[in-house]
Amino acid sequence: MKRPIDLKSISKIIFWIPFALPLIALLKAVLTWVEASAKIQTAADTLFIIFVFALIAFNIYAWAQRKKMEPPKTRS
């Protein structure tokens, strides 16, 4: 039997998307503005990609920790 979709966690993710996207865009803009040469731009792009993957990894880790803390579901 399929487990029902947890709308509460999905709504939390949807709630934070509008806040996360401008922050990521702002970081990208700052890294681009700091550029002084092609090497620094490449480094800025690399740092940005690393930052995005770290953010995704942290969110997966936090989700797993929350999942681990949930009490086991009991049958009624």
PDB file of N, CA and C in Angstrom:
ATOM      1  N   MET A   1       0.842  -1.190   0.000  1.00  0.00           N
ATOM      2  CA  MET A   1       0.000   0.000   0.000  1.00  0.00           C
ATOM      3  C   MET A   1       0.883   1.248   0.000  1.00  0.00           C
ATOM      4  N   LYS A   2       0.517   2.216  -0.832  1.00  0.00           N
ATOM      5  CA  LYS A   2       1.301   3.444  -0.899  1.00  0.00           C
ATOM      6  C   LYS A   2       1.062   4.293   0.333  1.00  0.00           C
ATOM      7  N   ARG A   3       2.155   4.957   0.768  1.00  0.00           N
ATOM      8  CA  ARG A   3       2.012   5.893   1.880  1.00  0.00           C
ATOM      9  C   ARG A   3       1.449   7.198   1.341  1.00  0.00           C
ATOM     10  N   PRO A   4       0.587   7.863   2.104  1.00  0.00           N
ATOM     11  CA  PRO A   4       0.051   9.145   1.619  1.00  0.00           C
ATOM     12  C   PRO A   4       1.151  10.204   1.552  1.00  0.00           C
ATOM     13  N   ILE A   5       0.986  11.134   0.650  1.00  0.00           N
ATOM     14  CA  ILE A   5       1.953  12.222   0.501  1.00  0.00           C
ATOM     15  C   ILE A   5       1.794  13.169   1.680  1.00  0.00           C
ATOM     16  N   ASP A   6       2.914  13.531   2.281  1.00  0.00           N
ATOM     17  CA  ASP A   6       2.893  14.439   3.423  1.00  0.00           C
ATOM     18  C   ASP A   6       2.821  15.878   2.906  1.00  0.00           C
ATOM     19  N   LEU A   7       1.617  16.435   2.898  1.00  0.00           N
ATOM     20  CA  LEU A   7       1.411  17.773   2.348  1.00  0.00           C
ATOM     21  C   LEU A   7       2.061  18.847   3.209  1.00  0.00           C
ATOM     22  N   LYS A   8       2.224  18.566   4.493  1.00  0.00           N
ATOM     23  CA  LYS A   8       2.826  19.567   5.381  1.00  0.00           C
ATOM     24  C   LYS A   8       4.284  19.837   4.988  1.00  0.00           C
ATOM     25  N   SER A   9       5.053  18.780   4.746  1.00  0.00           N
ATOM     26  CA  SER A   9       6.459  18.975   4.375  1.00  0.00           C
ATOM     27  C   SER A   9       6.575  19.578   2.976  1.00  0.00           C
ATOM     28  N   ILE A  10       5.686  19.193   2.068  1.00  0.00           N
ATOM     29  CA  ILE A  10       5.713  19.767   0.729  1.00  0.00           C
ATOM     30  C   ILE A  10       5.391  21.257   0.789  1.00  0.00           C
ATOM     31  N   SER A  11       4.433  21.629   1.637  1.00  0.00           N
ATOM     32  CA  SER A  11       4.084  23.049   1.740  1.00  0.00           C
ATOM     33  C   SER A  11       5.229  23.851   2.343  1.00  0.00           C
ATOM     34  N   LYS A  12       6.007  23.241   3.261  1.00  0.00           N
ATOM     35  CA  LYS A  12       7.172  23.933   3.816  1.00  0.00           C
ATOM     36  C   LYS A  12       8.212  24.189   2.728  1.00  0.00           C
ATOM     37  N   ILE A  13       8.455  23.192   1.888  1.00  0.00           N
ATOM     38  CA  ILE A  13       9.423  23.339   0.795  1.00  0.00           C
ATOM     39  C   ILE A  13       8.956  24.439  -0.157  1.00  0.00           C
ATOM     40  N   ILE A  14       7.679  24.396  -0.526  1.00  0.00           N
ATOM     41  CA  ILE A  14       7.134  25.402  -1.444  1.00  0.00           C
ATOM     42  C   ILE A  14       7.208  26.791  -0.810  1.00  0.00           C
ATOM     43  N   PHE A  15       6.987  26.872   0.502  1.00  0.00           N
ATOM     44  CA  PHE A  15       7.051  28.156   1.198  1.00  0.00           C
ATOM     45  C   PHE A  15       8.440  28.766   1.125  1.00  0.00           C
ATOM     46  N   TRP A  16       9.499  27.947   1.239  1.00  0.00           N
ATOM     47  CA  TRP A  16      10.867  28.478   1.283  1.00  0.00           C
ATOM     48  C   TRP A  16      11.461  28.747  -0.089  1.00  0.00           C
ATOM     49  N   ILE A  17      10.892  28.199  -1.167  1.00  0.00           N
ATOM     50  CA  ILE A  17      11.449  28.407  -2.507  1.00  0.00           C
ATOM     51  C   ILE A  17      11.552  29.894  -2.868  1.00  0.00           C
ATOM     52  N   PRO A  18      10.518  30.712  -2.643  1.00  0.00           N
ATOM     53  CA  PRO A  18      10.656  32.131  -3.001  1.00  0.00           C
ATOM     54  C   PRO A  18      11.766  32.849  -2.228  1.00  0.00           C
ATOM     55  N   PHE A  19      12.105  32.370  -1.037  1.00  0.00           N
ATOM     56  CA  PHE A  19      13.178  32.987  -0.270  1.00  0.00           C
ATOM     57  C   PHE A  19      14.552  32.487  -0.731  1.00  0.00           C
ATOM     58  N   ALA A  20      14.641  31.222  -1.097  1.00  0.00           N
ATOM     59  CA  ALA A  20      15.933  30.634  -1.464  1.00  0.00           C
ATOM     60  C   ALA A  20      16.415  31.105  -2.837  1.00  0.00           C
ATOM     61  N   LEU A  21      15.516  31.193  -3.800  1.00  0.00           N
ATOM     62  CA  LEU A  21      15.930  31.553  -5.158  1.00  0.00           C
ATOM     63  C   LEU A  21      16.543  32.954  -5.244  1.00  0.00           C
ATOM     64  N   PRO A  22      15.941  33.992  -4.630  1.00  0.00           N
ATOM     65  CA  PRO A  22      16.601  35.302  -4.684  1.00  0.00           C
ATOM     66  C   PRO A  22      17.952  35.315  -3.975  1.00  0.00           C
ATOM     67  N   LEU A  23      18.083  34.537  -2.902  1.00  0.00           N
ATOM     68  CA  LEU A  23      19.375  34.481  -2.213  1.00  0.00           C
ATOM     69  C   LEU A  23      20.436  33.850  -3.106  1.00  0.00           C
ATOM     70  N   ILE A  24      20.078  32.797  -3.809  1.00  0.00           N
ATOM     71  CA  ILE A  24      21.020  32.159  -4.721  1.00  0.00           C
ATOM     72  C   ILE A  24      21.366  33.119  -5.864  1.00  0.00           C
ATOM     73  N   ALA A  25      20.363  33.804  -6.391  1.00  0.00           N
ATOM     74  CA  ALA A  25      20.617  34.773  -7.466  1.00  0.00           C
ATOM     75  C   ALA A  25      21.491  35.922  -6.966  1.00  0.00           C
ATOM     76  N   LEU A  26      21.258  36.352  -5.733  1.00  0.00           N
ATOM     77  CA  LEU A  26      22.073  37.426  -5.160  1.00  0.00           C
ATOM     78  C   LEU A  26      23.518  36.981  -5.006  1.00  0.00           C
ATOM     79  N   LEU A  27      23.727  35.759  -4.533  1.00  0.00           N
ATOM     80  CA  LEU A  27      25.083  35.237  -4.403  1.00  0.00           C
ATOM     81  C   LEU A  27      25.766  35.178  -5.764  1.00  0.00           C
ATOM     82  N   LYS A  28      25.054  34.713  -6.763  1.00  0.00           N
ATOM     83  CA  LYS A  28      25.609  34.646  -8.117  1.00  0.00           C
ATOM     84  C   LYS A  28      25.967  36.048  -8.618  1.00  0.00           C
ATOM     85  N   ALA A  29      25.094  37.011  -8.345  1.00  0.00           N
ATOM     86  CA  ALA A  29      25.358  38.386  -8.781  1.00  0.00           C
ATOM     87  C   ALA A  29      26.591  38.955  -8.078  1.00  0.00           C
ATOM     88  N   VAL A  30      26.725  38.686  -6.785  1.00  0.00           N
ATOM     89  CA  VAL A  30      27.884  39.185  -6.040  1.00  0.00           C
ATOM     90  C   VAL A  30      29.162  38.546  -6.568  1.00  0.00           C
ATOM     91  N   LEU A  31      29.139  37.235  -6.790  1.00  0.00           N
ATOM     92  CA  LEU A  31      30.326  36.564  -7.309  1.00  0.00           C
ATOM     93  C   LEU A  31      30.687  37.081  -8.710  1.00  0.00           C
ATOM     94  N   THR A  32      29.690  37.382  -9.515  1.00  0.00           N
ATOM     95  CA  THR A  32      29.953  37.916 -10.854  1.00  0.00           C
ATOM     96  C   THR A  32      30.520  39.331 -10.759  1.00  0.00           C
ATOM     97  N   TRP A  33      29.980  40.126  -9.840  1.00  0.00           N
ATOM     98  CA  TRP A  33      30.424  41.514  -9.683  1.00  0.00           C
ATOM     99  C   TRP A  33      31.868  41.590  -9.200  1.00  0.00           C
ATOM    100  N   VAL A  34      32.266  40.599  -8.396  1.00  0.00           N
ATOM    101  CA  VAL A  34      33.614  40.590  -7.831  1.00  0.00           C
ATOM    102  C   VAL A  34      34.654  40.227  -8.889  1.00  0.00           C
ATOM    103  N   GLU A  35      34.194  39.704 -10.012  1.00  0.00           N
ATOM    104  CA  GLU A  35      35.141  39.237 -11.021  1.00  0.00           C
ATOM    105  C   GLU A  35      36.101  40.337 -11.467  1.00  0.00           C
ATOM    106  N   ALA A  36      37.362  39.967 -11.643  1.00  0.00           N
ATOM    107  CA  ALA A  36      38.365  40.905 -12.145  1.00  0.00           C
ATOM    108  C   ALA A  36      38.993  40.365 -13.418  1.00  0.00           C
ATOM    109  N   SER A  37      38.882  39.051 -13.607  1.00  0.00           N
ATOM    110  CA  SER A  37      39.443  38.453 -14.814  1.00  0.00           C
ATOM    111  C   SER A  37      38.682  37.164 -15.111  1.00  0.00           C
ATOM    112  N   ALA A  38      39.032  36.528 -16.201  1.00  0.00           N
ATOM    113  CA  ALA A  38      38.360  35.283 -16.573  1.00  0.00           C
ATOM    114  C   ALA A  38      38.622  34.190 -15.545  1.00  0.00           C
ATOM    115  N   LYS A  39      39.823  34.212 -14.937  1.00  0.00           N
ATOM    116  CA  LYS A  39      40.143  33.199 -13.929  1.00  0.00           C
ATOM    117  C   LYS A  39      39.253  33.356 -12.707  1.00  0.00           C
ATOM    118  N   ILE A  40      39.071  34.598 -12.269  1.00  0.00           N
ATOM    119  CA  ILE A  40      38.229  34.829 -11.091  1.00  0.00           C
ATOM    120  C   ILE A  40      36.784  34.482 -11.414  1.00  0.00           C
ATOM    121  N   GLN A  41      36.328  34.773 -12.634  1.00  0.00           N
ATOM    122  CA  GLN A  41      34.960  34.425 -13.017  1.00  0.00           C
ATOM    123  C   GLN A  41      34.775  32.910 -12.975  1.00  0.00           C
ATOM    124  N   THR A  42      35.758  32.169 -13.484  1.00  0.00           N
ATOM    125  CA  THR A  42      35.677  30.712 -13.436  1.00  0.00           C
ATOM    126  C   THR A  42      35.654  30.228 -11.990  1.00  0.00           C
ATOM    127  N   ALA A  43      36.477  30.845 -11.159  1.00  0.00           N
ATOM    128  CA  ALA A  43      36.492  30.479  -9.744  1.00  0.00           C
ATOM    129  C   ALA A  43      35.155  30.822  -9.092  1.00  0.00           C
ATOM    130  N   ALA A  44      34.578  31.960  -9.457  1.00  0.00           N
ATOM    131  CA  ALA A  44      33.289  32.358  -8.902  1.00  0.00           C
ATOM    132  C   ALA A  44      32.203  31.358  -9.311  1.00  0.00           C
ATOM    133  N   ASP A  45      32.218  30.957 -10.581  1.00  0.00           N
ATOM    134  CA  ASP A  45      31.241  29.963 -11.036  1.00  0.00           C
ATOM    135  C   ASP A  45      31.432  28.641 -10.299  1.00  0.00           C
ATOM    136  N   THR A  46      32.674  28.242 -10.095  1.00  0.00           N
ATOM    137  CA  THR A  46      32.955  27.001  -9.379  1.00  0.00           C
ATOM    138  C   THR A  46      32.464  27.094  -7.936  1.00  0.00           C
ATOM    139  N   LEU A  47      32.747  28.214  -7.285  1.00  0.00           N
ATOM    140  CA  LEU A  47      32.270  28.410  -5.907  1.00  0.00           C
ATOM    141  C   LEU A  47      30.749  28.394  -5.846  1.00  0.00           C
ATOM    142  N   PHE A  48      30.107  29.002  -6.831  1.00  0.00           N
ATOM    143  CA  PHE A  48      28.652  29.021  -6.864  1.00  0.00           C
ATOM    144  C   PHE A  48      28.095  27.609  -6.999  1.00  0.00           C
ATOM    145  N   ILE A  49      28.675  26.820  -7.895  1.00  0.00           N
ATOM    146  CA  ILE A  49      28.213  25.441  -8.082  1.00  0.00           C
ATOM    147  C   ILE A  49      28.432  24.631  -6.800  1.00  0.00           C
ATOM    148  N   ILE A  50      29.593  24.810  -6.164  1.00  0.00           N
ATOM    149  CA  ILE A  50      29.863  24.110  -4.906  1.00  0.00           C
ATOM    150  C   ILE A  50      28.848  24.529  -3.847  1.00  0.00           C
ATOM    151  N   PHE A  51      28.541  25.833  -3.779  1.00  0.00           N
ATOM    152  CA  PHE A  51      27.573  26.334  -2.805  1.00  0.00           C
ATOM    153  C   PHE A  51      26.199  25.709  -3.031  1.00  0.00           C
ATOM    154  N   VAL A  52      25.754  25.641  -4.286  1.00  0.00           N
ATOM    155  CA  VAL A  52      24.437  25.078  -4.583  1.00  0.00           C
ATOM    156  C   VAL A  52      24.395  23.594  -4.199  1.00  0.00           C
ATOM    157  N   PHE A  53      25.436  22.838  -4.542  1.00  0.00           N
ATOM    158  CA  PHE A  53      25.445  21.421  -4.175  1.00  0.00           C
ATOM    159  C   PHE A  53      25.509  21.238  -2.661  1.00  0.00           C
ATOM    160  N   ALA A  54      26.256  22.100  -1.968  1.00  0.00           N
ATOM    161  CA  ALA A  54      26.304  22.025  -0.504  1.00  0.00           C
ATOM    162  C   ALA A  54      24.931  22.324   0.085  1.00  0.00           C
ATOM    163  N   LEU A  55      24.232  23.290  -0.485  1.00  0.00           N
ATOM    164  CA  LEU A  55      22.889  23.630  -0.016  1.00  0.00           C
ATOM    165  C   LEU A  55      21.940  22.451  -0.210  1.00  0.00           C
ATOM    166  N   ILE A  56      22.013  21.809  -1.361  1.00  0.00           N
ATOM    167  CA  ILE A  56      21.165  20.641  -1.631  1.00  0.00           C
ATOM    168  C   ILE A  56      21.512  19.510  -0.668  1.00  0.00           C
ATOM    169  N   ALA A  57      22.814  19.260  -0.477  1.00  0.00           N
ATOM    170  CA  ALA A  57      23.236  18.182   0.430  1.00  0.00           C
ATOM    171  C   ALA A  57      22.773  18.470   1.858  1.00  0.00           C
ATOM    172  N   PHE A  58      22.891  19.714   2.294  1.00  0.00           N
ATOM    173  CA  PHE A  58      22.455  20.063   3.641  1.00  0.00           C
ATOM    174  C   PHE A  58      20.946  19.859   3.795  1.00  0.00           C
ATOM    175  N   ASN A  59      20.171  20.225   2.780  1.00  0.00           N
ATOM    176  CA  ASN A  59      18.722  20.033   2.856  1.00  0.00           C
ATOM    177  C   ASN A  59      18.356  18.556   2.905  1.00  0.00           C
ATOM    178  N   ILE A  60      19.063  17.725   2.151  1.00  0.00           N
ATOM    179  CA  ILE A  60      18.814  16.282   2.196  1.00  0.00           C
ATOM    180  C   ILE A  60      19.176  15.739   3.569  1.00  0.00           C
ATOM    181  N   TYR A  61      20.308  16.180   4.123  1.00  0.00           N
ATOM    182  CA  TYR A  61      20.729  15.746   5.451  1.00  0.00           C
ATOM    183  C   TYR A  61      19.711  16.177   6.510  1.00  0.00           C
ATOM    184  N   ALA A  62      19.253  17.426   6.445  1.00  0.00           N
ATOM    185  CA  ALA A  62      18.280  17.915   7.425  1.00  0.00           C
ATOM    186  C   ALA A  62      16.969  17.148   7.305  1.00  0.00           C
ATOM    187  N   TRP A  63      16.561  16.835   6.075  1.00  0.00           N
ATOM    188  CA  TRP A  63      15.338  16.057   5.878  1.00  0.00           C
ATOM    189  C   TRP A  63      15.483  14.669   6.494  1.00  0.00           C
ATOM    190  N   ALA A  64      16.654  14.043   6.286  1.00  0.00           N
ATOM    191  CA  ALA A  64      16.893  12.708   6.839  1.00  0.00           C
ATOM    192  C   ALA A  64      16.886  12.749   8.368  1.00  0.00           C
ATOM    193  N   GLN A  65      17.454  13.799   8.946  1.00  0.00           N
ATOM    194  CA  GLN A  65      17.457  13.924  10.402  1.00  0.00           C
ATOM    195  C   GLN A  65      16.040  14.092  10.935  1.00  0.00           C
ATOM    196  N   ARG A  66      15.232  14.901  10.255  1.00  0.00           N
ATOM    197  CA  ARG A  66      13.833  15.075  10.684  1.00  0.00           C
ATOM    198  C   ARG A  66      13.077  13.762  10.552  1.00  0.00           C
ATOM    199  N   LYS A  67      13.344  13.039   9.480  1.00  0.00           N
ATOM    200  CA  LYS A  67      12.665  11.764   9.248  1.00  0.00           C
ATOM    201  C   LYS A  67      13.028  10.775  10.350  1.00  0.00           C
ATOM    202  N   LYS A  68      14.300  10.806  10.772  1.00  0.00           N
ATOM    203  CA  LYS A  68      14.760   9.888  11.809  1.00  0.00           C
ATOM    204  C   LYS A  68      14.093  10.202  13.150  1.00  0.00           C
ATOM    205  N   MET A  69      13.781  11.475  13.402  1.00  0.00           N
ATOM    206  CA  MET A  69      13.202  11.887  14.673  1.00  0.00           C
ATOM    207  C   MET A  69      11.707  11.595  14.777  1.00  0.00           C
ATOM    208  N   GLU A  70      11.061  11.347  13.636  1.00  0.00           N
ATOM    209  CA  GLU A  70       9.621  11.084  13.675  1.00  0.00           C
ATOM    210  C   GLU A  70       9.358   9.783  14.425  1.00  0.00           C
ATOM    211  N   PRO A  71       8.302   9.775  15.249  1.00  0.00           N
ATOM    212  CA  PRO A  71       7.956   8.514  15.916  1.00  0.00           C
ATOM    213  C   PRO A  71       7.468   7.497  14.889  1.00  0.00           C
ATOM    214  N   PRO A  72       7.727   6.222  15.142  1.00  0.00           N
ATOM    215  CA  PRO A  72       7.282   5.216  14.176  1.00  0.00           C
ATOM    216  C   PRO A  72       5.759   5.214  14.064  1.00  0.00           C
ATOM    217  N   LYS A  73       5.274   4.993  12.868  1.00  0.00           N
ATOM    218  CA  LYS A  73       3.826   4.965  12.650  1.00  0.00           C
ATOM    219  C   LYS A  73       3.280   3.633  13.159  1.00  0.00           C
ATOM    220  N   THR A  74       2.196   3.712  13.891  1.00  0.00           N
ATOM    221  CA  THR A  74       1.590   2.496  14.432  1.00  0.00           C
ATOM    222  C   THR A  74       0.283   2.217  13.710  1.00  0.00           C
ATOM    223  N   ARG A  75      -0.013   0.959  13.569  1.00  0.00           N
ATOM    224  CA  ARG A  75      -1.282   0.583  12.937  1.00  0.00           C
ATOM    225  C   ARG A  75      -2.388   0.661  13.972  1.00  0.00           C
ATOM    226  N   SER A  76      -3.557   1.112  13.533  1.00  0.00           N
ATOM    227  CA  SER A  76      -4.666   1.188  14.484  1.00  0.00           C
ATOM    228  C   SER A  76      -5.719   0.148  14.182  1.00  0.00           C
TER     229      SER A  76
END
